[in-house]
Amino acid sequence: MPMNLVHDVDGLHRIILTEPTGSSAEVLLYGGQVVSWKNERREELLFMSSKANWKPPRAIRGGIPICFPQFGNLGSLEQHGFARNRMWSLDSDPSPLPPANNQSSVDLILKSTEEDLKIWPRCFELRLRVTLSAGRLTLIPRVRNTDNKAFSFMFTLCNYFSVSDISEVRVEGLETLDYFDNLNNRQRFTEQADAITFDGEFERVYLSTPTKIAIIDHEKKRTFELWKDGMPDAVVWNPWDKKAKALQDLGDEDYQSMLCVDSAVIETPIILKPFEEWKGRQEISTVSSSYCSGQLDPRKVLYGFH
């Protein structure tokens, strides 16, 4: 299916993906960032800040930004690394991935530049395939070491989900897991709750997470199913009211309608030898749900595959 490359008013190149049931996705060459995913009823599934800054070199708050080669301030680079602040290109040679001829898909690539090498002296190629299908959005990131020495990196797909009311949302699939609490000096704890619910600022990195996590939105009667491979950690974040007011690119009330649940490699960075490649995969799908608290079969969340 054809993709549509358009120039928007901000001068950013935007790729629009569509598929027969009527759903759509929009991807920017700036940051390789998915900034919209709408279902067949044209409902926006991803959150975008009401105060998002769309002018480079600032990061865009919302959608699915990419953190590479660093997460947060866990290193010497700028917050979350530089991939989300760079201009990517269309990738004309996405092999060895199979052709995406019959799907609505785009392949992007980011290569190290002279400027990047000054702050992170490692040669790399970062590729991303974004594929839209009925009820599902798939992202396949790949990192290739094109240097003559090994290097390590962190990687995160920051998924900003649009929710009706953060107080009515629960996350299942992370029960009993260890996590780093970023609001408590990154101390390590074990999750005690049956499911994660929200009544204040929340920022945790869950470790050795299952392949499948469910984000249940009671008010919208909708569940996001996040399936991931090659990214063992999961970041769960909501800034709540005080932090939202402190963030210049987030509206004061925006925290009420967003939740970040990220696919991540943080605790144990990936190490690549020369010419080795790492590949991850993330699929997000939505299912209509009338799940009440605790009615989602945890075995399906933890071990179920589609």
Protein backbone atom coordinates (compact mmCIF):
# COMPACT_ATOMS: atom_id res chain seq x y z
CA MET A 1 0.00 0.00 0.00
CA PRO A 2 1.33 3.44 -0.78
CA MET A 3 2.53 5.72 1.93
CA ASN A 4 2.04 9.45 1.66
CA LEU A 5 4.95 11.82 2.37
CA VAL A 6 3.78 15.35 3.15
CA HIS A 7 5.36 18.58 4.34
CA ASP A 8 3.41 20.16 7.17
CA VAL A 9 3.28 23.80 8.24
CA ASP A 10 6.22 23.36 10.61
CA GLY A 11 8.42 22.25 7.71
CA LEU A 12 8.60 18.71 9.06
CA HIS A 13 8.37 15.75 6.70
CA ARG A 14 5.45 13.58 7.78
CA ILE A 15 4.71 10.08 6.50
CA ILE A 16 1.04 9.09 6.61
CA LEU A 17 0.18 5.38 6.69
CA THR A 18 -3.37 4.15 6.06
CA GLU A 19 -5.03 0.75 5.77
CA PRO A 20 -8.38 -0.50 4.44
CA THR A 21 -10.40 -0.46 7.69
CA GLY A 22 -9.75 3.28 8.02
CA SER A 23 -7.05 3.41 10.69
CA SER A 24 -4.00 5.63 10.17
CA ALA A 25 -0.58 6.47 11.59
CA GLU A 26 1.74 9.44 11.12
CA VAL A 27 5.52 9.26 11.39
CA LEU A 28 7.96 12.17 11.31
CA LEU A 29 11.38 11.98 9.71
CA TYR A 30 12.39 14.24 12.61
CA GLY A 31 13.22 11.82 15.42
CA GLY A 32 11.78 8.85 13.53
CA GLN A 33 8.82 9.56 15.79
CA VAL A 34 5.28 8.20 15.50
CA VAL A 35 3.08 11.18 16.38
CA SER A 36 -0.39 9.80 15.65
CA TRP A 37 -2.22 6.46 15.56
CA LYS A 38 -5.95 6.51 14.94
CA ASN A 39 -8.32 3.56 14.90
CA GLU A 40 -10.94 2.86 12.26
CA ARG A 41 -13.34 5.26 14.06
CA ARG A 42 -10.71 8.02 13.76
CA GLU A 43 -10.14 8.06 17.52
CA GLU A 44 -6.60 9.11 18.48
CA LEU A 45 -4.90 6.36 20.50
CA LEU A 46 -1.64 8.16 21.29
CA PHE A 47 -1.31 11.19 23.55
CA MET A 48 0.22 14.42 22.26
CA SER A 49 0.95 17.29 24.64
CA SER A 50 -1.16 20.39 24.16
CA LYS A 51 2.09 22.35 24.50
CA ALA A 52 4.32 20.12 22.38
CA ASN A 53 7.23 21.95 20.76
CA TRP A 54 7.32 21.01 17.06
CA LYS A 55 10.43 23.00 16.17
CA PRO A 56 13.83 21.25 16.00
CA PRO A 57 16.08 20.74 17.87
CA ARG A 58 13.58 20.31 20.70
CA ALA A 59 12.09 16.91 21.49
CA ILE A 60 8.36 16.47 20.77
CA ARG A 61 6.33 15.51 23.84
CA GLY A 62 3.94 12.71 22.89
CA GLY A 63 3.47 9.88 20.41
CA ILE A 64 6.35 7.38 20.48
CA PRO A 65 9.75 9.09 20.87
CA ILE A 66 12.90 6.98 20.62
CA CYS A 67 15.53 7.15 23.37
CA PHE A 68 18.96 6.14 22.03
CA PRO A 69 21.78 5.54 22.95
CA GLN A 70 20.92 6.61 26.51
CA PHE A 71 17.85 6.58 28.72
CA GLY A 72 17.16 9.57 30.96
CA ASN A 73 20.31 10.95 32.54
CA LEU A 74 22.00 7.55 32.87
CA GLY A 75 25.10 8.61 30.95
CA SER A 76 27.06 11.58 29.68
CA LEU A 77 24.72 12.59 26.84
CA GLU A 78 21.71 14.89 26.80
CA GLN A 79 18.51 13.59 28.40
CA HIS A 80 17.37 10.42 26.59
CA GLY A 81 20.20 10.60 24.03
CA PHE A 82 20.07 12.24 20.62
CA ALA A 83 18.05 9.99 18.26
CA ARG A 84 14.79 11.83 18.99
CA ASN A 85 16.40 15.16 18.04
CA ARG A 86 17.88 14.11 14.67
CA MET A 87 16.55 14.10 11.13
CA TRP A 88 16.15 10.54 9.90
CA SER A 89 16.00 9.35 6.28
CA LEU A 90 13.86 6.90 4.34
CA ASP A 91 15.69 3.58 4.27
CA SER A 92 15.97 2.16 0.76
CA ASP A 93 17.57 -1.09 1.91
CA PRO A 94 15.82 -2.49 5.00
CA SER A 95 17.09 -6.05 4.43
CA PRO A 96 17.18 -8.60 6.01
CA LEU A 97 13.60 -7.80 7.03
CA PRO A 98 11.05 -9.30 4.63
CA PRO A 99 9.50 -6.85 2.15
CA ALA A 100 6.45 -5.00 3.44
CA ASN A 101 4.83 -4.83 0.00
CA ASN A 102 1.33 -5.79 1.09
CA GLN A 103 1.24 -3.74 4.27
CA SER A 104 1.18 -0.05 5.06
CA SER A 105 4.75 0.37 6.25
CA VAL A 106 7.73 2.71 6.24
CA ASP A 107 11.42 2.02 6.83
CA LEU A 108 13.58 4.76 8.35
CA ILE A 109 17.30 5.00 9.10
CA LEU A 110 19.55 7.17 11.25
CA LYS A 111 23.32 7.02 10.76
CA SER A 112 26.01 8.55 12.95
CA THR A 113 27.15 11.97 11.74
CA GLU A 114 30.35 13.92 12.35
CA GLU A 115 28.50 15.95 15.00
CA ASP A 116 27.25 12.81 16.74
CA LEU A 117 30.72 11.27 16.74
CA LYS A 118 32.02 14.26 18.72
CA ILE A 119 29.67 13.50 21.62
CA TRP A 120 29.35 9.71 21.20
CA PRO A 121 32.34 8.38 19.20
CA ARG A 122 30.75 5.20 17.84
CA CYS A 123 29.65 4.50 14.26
CA PHE A 124 26.15 3.02 14.05
CA GLU A 125 23.06 2.57 11.91
CA LEU A 126 19.70 2.77 13.69
CA ARG A 127 16.77 1.50 11.64
CA LEU A 128 13.06 1.55 12.36
CA ARG A 129 10.19 -0.13 10.53
CA VAL A 130 6.71 1.14 11.37
CA THR A 131 3.84 -1.04 10.14
CA LEU A 132 0.12 -0.30 10.39
CA SER A 133 -2.46 -3.06 10.18
CA ALA A 134 -6.07 -3.35 11.32
CA GLY A 135 -6.11 -2.67 15.06
CA ARG A 136 -2.35 -2.92 15.40
CA LEU A 137 0.80 -0.78 15.23
CA THR A 138 4.15 -2.56 14.96
CA LEU A 139 7.60 -1.03 15.45
CA ILE A 140 10.80 -2.95 14.69
CA PRO A 141 13.97 -1.10 15.77
CA ARG A 142 17.43 -2.37 14.80
CA VAL A 143 20.89 -1.12 15.75
CA ARG A 144 23.97 -2.14 13.77
CA ASN A 145 27.54 -1.55 14.92
CA THR A 146 29.43 -0.18 11.89
CA ASP A 147 32.45 0.67 14.04
CA ASN A 148 35.70 -1.28 14.41
CA LYS A 149 35.21 -1.67 18.17
CA ALA A 150 32.39 -2.87 20.41
CA PHE A 151 29.96 -0.44 22.00
CA SER A 152 26.99 -0.57 24.36
CA PHE A 153 23.72 1.36 24.37
CA MET A 154 20.34 1.70 26.02
CA PHE A 155 17.13 1.87 24.01
CA THR A 156 13.55 2.85 24.75
CA LEU A 157 10.33 3.25 22.78
CA CYS A 158 8.42 5.79 24.88
CA ASN A 159 4.74 5.01 24.33
CA TYR A 160 2.47 7.91 25.29
CA PHE A 161 -0.99 6.31 25.50
CA SER A 162 -4.13 8.42 25.36
CA VAL A 163 -6.41 7.52 28.28
CA SER A 164 -9.74 8.89 29.48
CA ASP A 165 -8.74 9.51 33.11
CA ILE A 166 -5.46 8.39 34.66
CA SER A 167 -7.29 7.67 37.95
CA GLU A 168 -9.39 5.05 36.14
CA VAL A 169 -6.50 3.22 34.46
CA ARG A 170 -4.77 0.05 35.63
CA VAL A 171 -1.71 -1.75 34.27
CA GLU A 172 -1.56 -5.54 34.54
CA GLY A 173 1.34 -7.88 33.85
CA LEU A 174 3.97 -6.25 36.10
CA GLU A 175 2.85 -7.78 39.41
CA THR A 176 5.56 -9.24 41.72
CA LEU A 177 8.37 -7.76 39.59
CA ASP A 178 11.37 -5.79 40.82
CA TYR A 179 11.59 -2.13 39.81
CA PHE A 180 13.77 0.93 40.21
CA ASP A 181 11.83 3.82 41.73
CA ASN A 182 13.09 6.99 40.07
CA LEU A 183 11.22 9.08 42.64
CA ASN A 184 13.17 7.36 45.42
CA ASN A 185 16.82 7.63 44.28
CA ARG A 186 16.44 4.67 41.90
CA GLN A 187 16.15 2.29 44.85
CA ARG A 188 15.09 -1.24 43.98
CA PHE A 189 11.77 -2.55 45.26
CA THR A 190 9.38 -5.41 44.48
CA GLU A 191 5.88 -4.63 43.21
CA GLN A 192 3.31 -5.70 45.83
CA ALA A 193 0.07 -4.55 44.17
CA ASP A 194 -2.22 -6.85 42.19
CA ALA A 195 -2.21 -4.23 39.43
CA ILE A 196 -0.71 -0.77 39.04
CA THR A 197 -3.11 2.13 39.61
CA PHE A 198 -2.38 5.85 39.81
CA ASP A 199 -3.10 8.50 42.44
CA GLY A 200 0.09 10.57 42.24
CA GLU A 201 3.40 11.04 40.40
CA PHE A 202 4.77 7.70 39.18
CA GLU A 203 8.13 6.86 37.57
CA ARG A 204 9.41 3.30 37.74
CA VAL A 205 11.60 1.02 35.63
CA TYR A 206 10.26 -2.54 35.88
CA LEU A 207 12.84 -5.26 35.29
CA SER A 208 12.69 -8.61 33.44
CA THR A 209 9.13 -7.92 32.36
CA PRO A 210 6.86 -10.32 30.45
CA THR A 211 6.39 -10.11 26.71
CA LYS A 212 2.86 -8.77 27.19
CA ILE A 213 1.50 -5.92 29.30
CA ALA A 214 -2.11 -4.68 29.42
CA ILE A 215 -3.18 -1.06 29.95
CA ILE A 216 -6.86 -1.15 30.91
CA ASP A 217 -8.91 2.03 30.49
CA HIS A 218 -12.17 1.43 32.37
CA GLU A 219 -13.93 4.60 31.24
CA LYS A 220 -13.25 4.05 27.52
CA LYS A 221 -13.82 0.30 27.90
CA ARG A 222 -10.62 -0.18 25.96
CA THR A 223 -7.48 -2.17 26.65
CA PHE A 224 -4.11 -1.57 25.03
CA GLU A 225 -2.10 -4.76 24.71
CA LEU A 226 1.63 -4.07 24.51
CA TRP A 227 3.67 -6.99 23.22
CA LYS A 228 7.45 -6.65 23.07
CA ASP A 229 10.52 -8.70 22.31
CA GLY A 230 14.20 -7.87 22.85
CA MET A 231 13.35 -5.07 25.31
CA PRO A 232 13.17 -6.67 28.76
CA ASP A 233 12.44 -3.56 30.83
CA ALA A 234 9.30 -1.42 31.02
CA VAL A 235 9.09 2.19 32.16
CA VAL A 236 5.79 3.39 33.65
CA TRP A 237 5.43 7.17 34.02
CA ASN A 238 2.88 9.83 34.82
CA PRO A 239 4.03 13.26 36.04
CA TRP A 240 0.83 14.16 37.96
CA ASP A 241 -0.13 17.77 38.65
CA LYS A 242 2.94 19.44 40.19
CA LYS A 243 5.41 17.95 37.71
CA ALA A 244 3.06 18.69 34.79
CA LYS A 245 3.04 22.37 35.77
CA ALA A 246 6.85 22.35 35.95
CA LEU A 247 7.28 20.89 32.44
CA GLN A 248 7.23 23.69 29.85
CA ASP A 249 6.08 21.43 27.00
CA LEU A 250 3.20 19.78 28.90
CA GLY A 251 -0.18 21.36 29.60
CA ASP A 252 -1.12 21.71 33.28
CA GLU A 253 -4.00 19.22 32.95
CA ASP A 254 -2.44 16.95 30.32
CA TYR A 255 -1.32 14.39 32.90
CA GLN A 256 -4.95 13.35 33.39
CA SER A 257 -5.25 11.95 29.85
CA MET A 258 -1.85 10.29 29.36
CA LEU A 259 0.15 7.33 30.54
CA CYS A 260 3.61 6.23 29.40
CA VAL A 261 4.34 2.50 29.34
CA ASP A 262 7.63 2.05 27.51
CA SER A 263 9.45 -0.90 25.96
CA ALA A 264 13.03 -0.54 27.12
CA VAL A 265 16.57 -1.80 27.49
CA ILE A 266 17.94 0.01 30.54
CA GLU A 267 19.23 -2.20 33.37
CA THR A 268 21.59 -4.23 31.17
CA PRO A 269 22.67 -2.25 28.09
CA ILE A 270 23.06 -4.07 24.78
CA ILE A 271 26.68 -4.76 23.79
CA LEU A 272 27.37 -5.04 20.07
CA LYS A 273 30.64 -6.22 18.54
CA PRO A 274 31.69 -4.77 15.16
CA PHE A 275 29.08 -5.48 12.46
CA GLU A 276 26.69 -7.14 14.90
CA GLU A 277 23.04 -6.10 14.92
CA TRP A 278 20.43 -5.95 17.68
CA LYS A 279 16.73 -6.17 16.86
CA GLY A 280 13.70 -5.42 18.98
CA ARG A 281 9.99 -5.61 18.27
CA GLN A 282 6.93 -3.94 19.72
CA GLU A 283 3.29 -4.44 18.81
CA ILE A 284 0.44 -2.39 20.25
CA SER A 285 -3.13 -3.52 19.69
CA THR A 286 -6.44 -2.43 21.14
CA VAL A 287 -9.31 -4.59 22.28
CA SER A 288 -12.72 -3.49 23.46
CA SER A 289 -13.04 -4.43 27.09
CA SER A 290 -15.55 -4.36 29.86
CA TYR A 291 -13.01 -5.80 32.26
CA CYS A 292 -13.71 -4.94 35.85
CA SER A 293 -10.90 -4.89 38.34
CA GLY A 294 -9.07 -8.19 38.40
CA GLN A 295 -11.14 -9.86 35.69
CA LEU A 296 -8.38 -9.90 33.11
CA ASP A 297 -6.92 -13.39 33.15
CA PRO A 298 -3.33 -12.79 34.35
CA ARG A 299 -2.14 -15.90 32.51
CA LYS A 300 -3.21 -14.34 29.22
CA VAL A 301 -1.45 -11.11 30.11
CA LEU A 302 1.76 -12.81 31.15
CA TYR A 303 1.95 -15.67 28.71
CA GLY A 304 -0.65 -15.07 26.03
CA PHE A 305 0.30 -14.44 22.43
CA HIS A 306 -1.94 -13.27 19.63
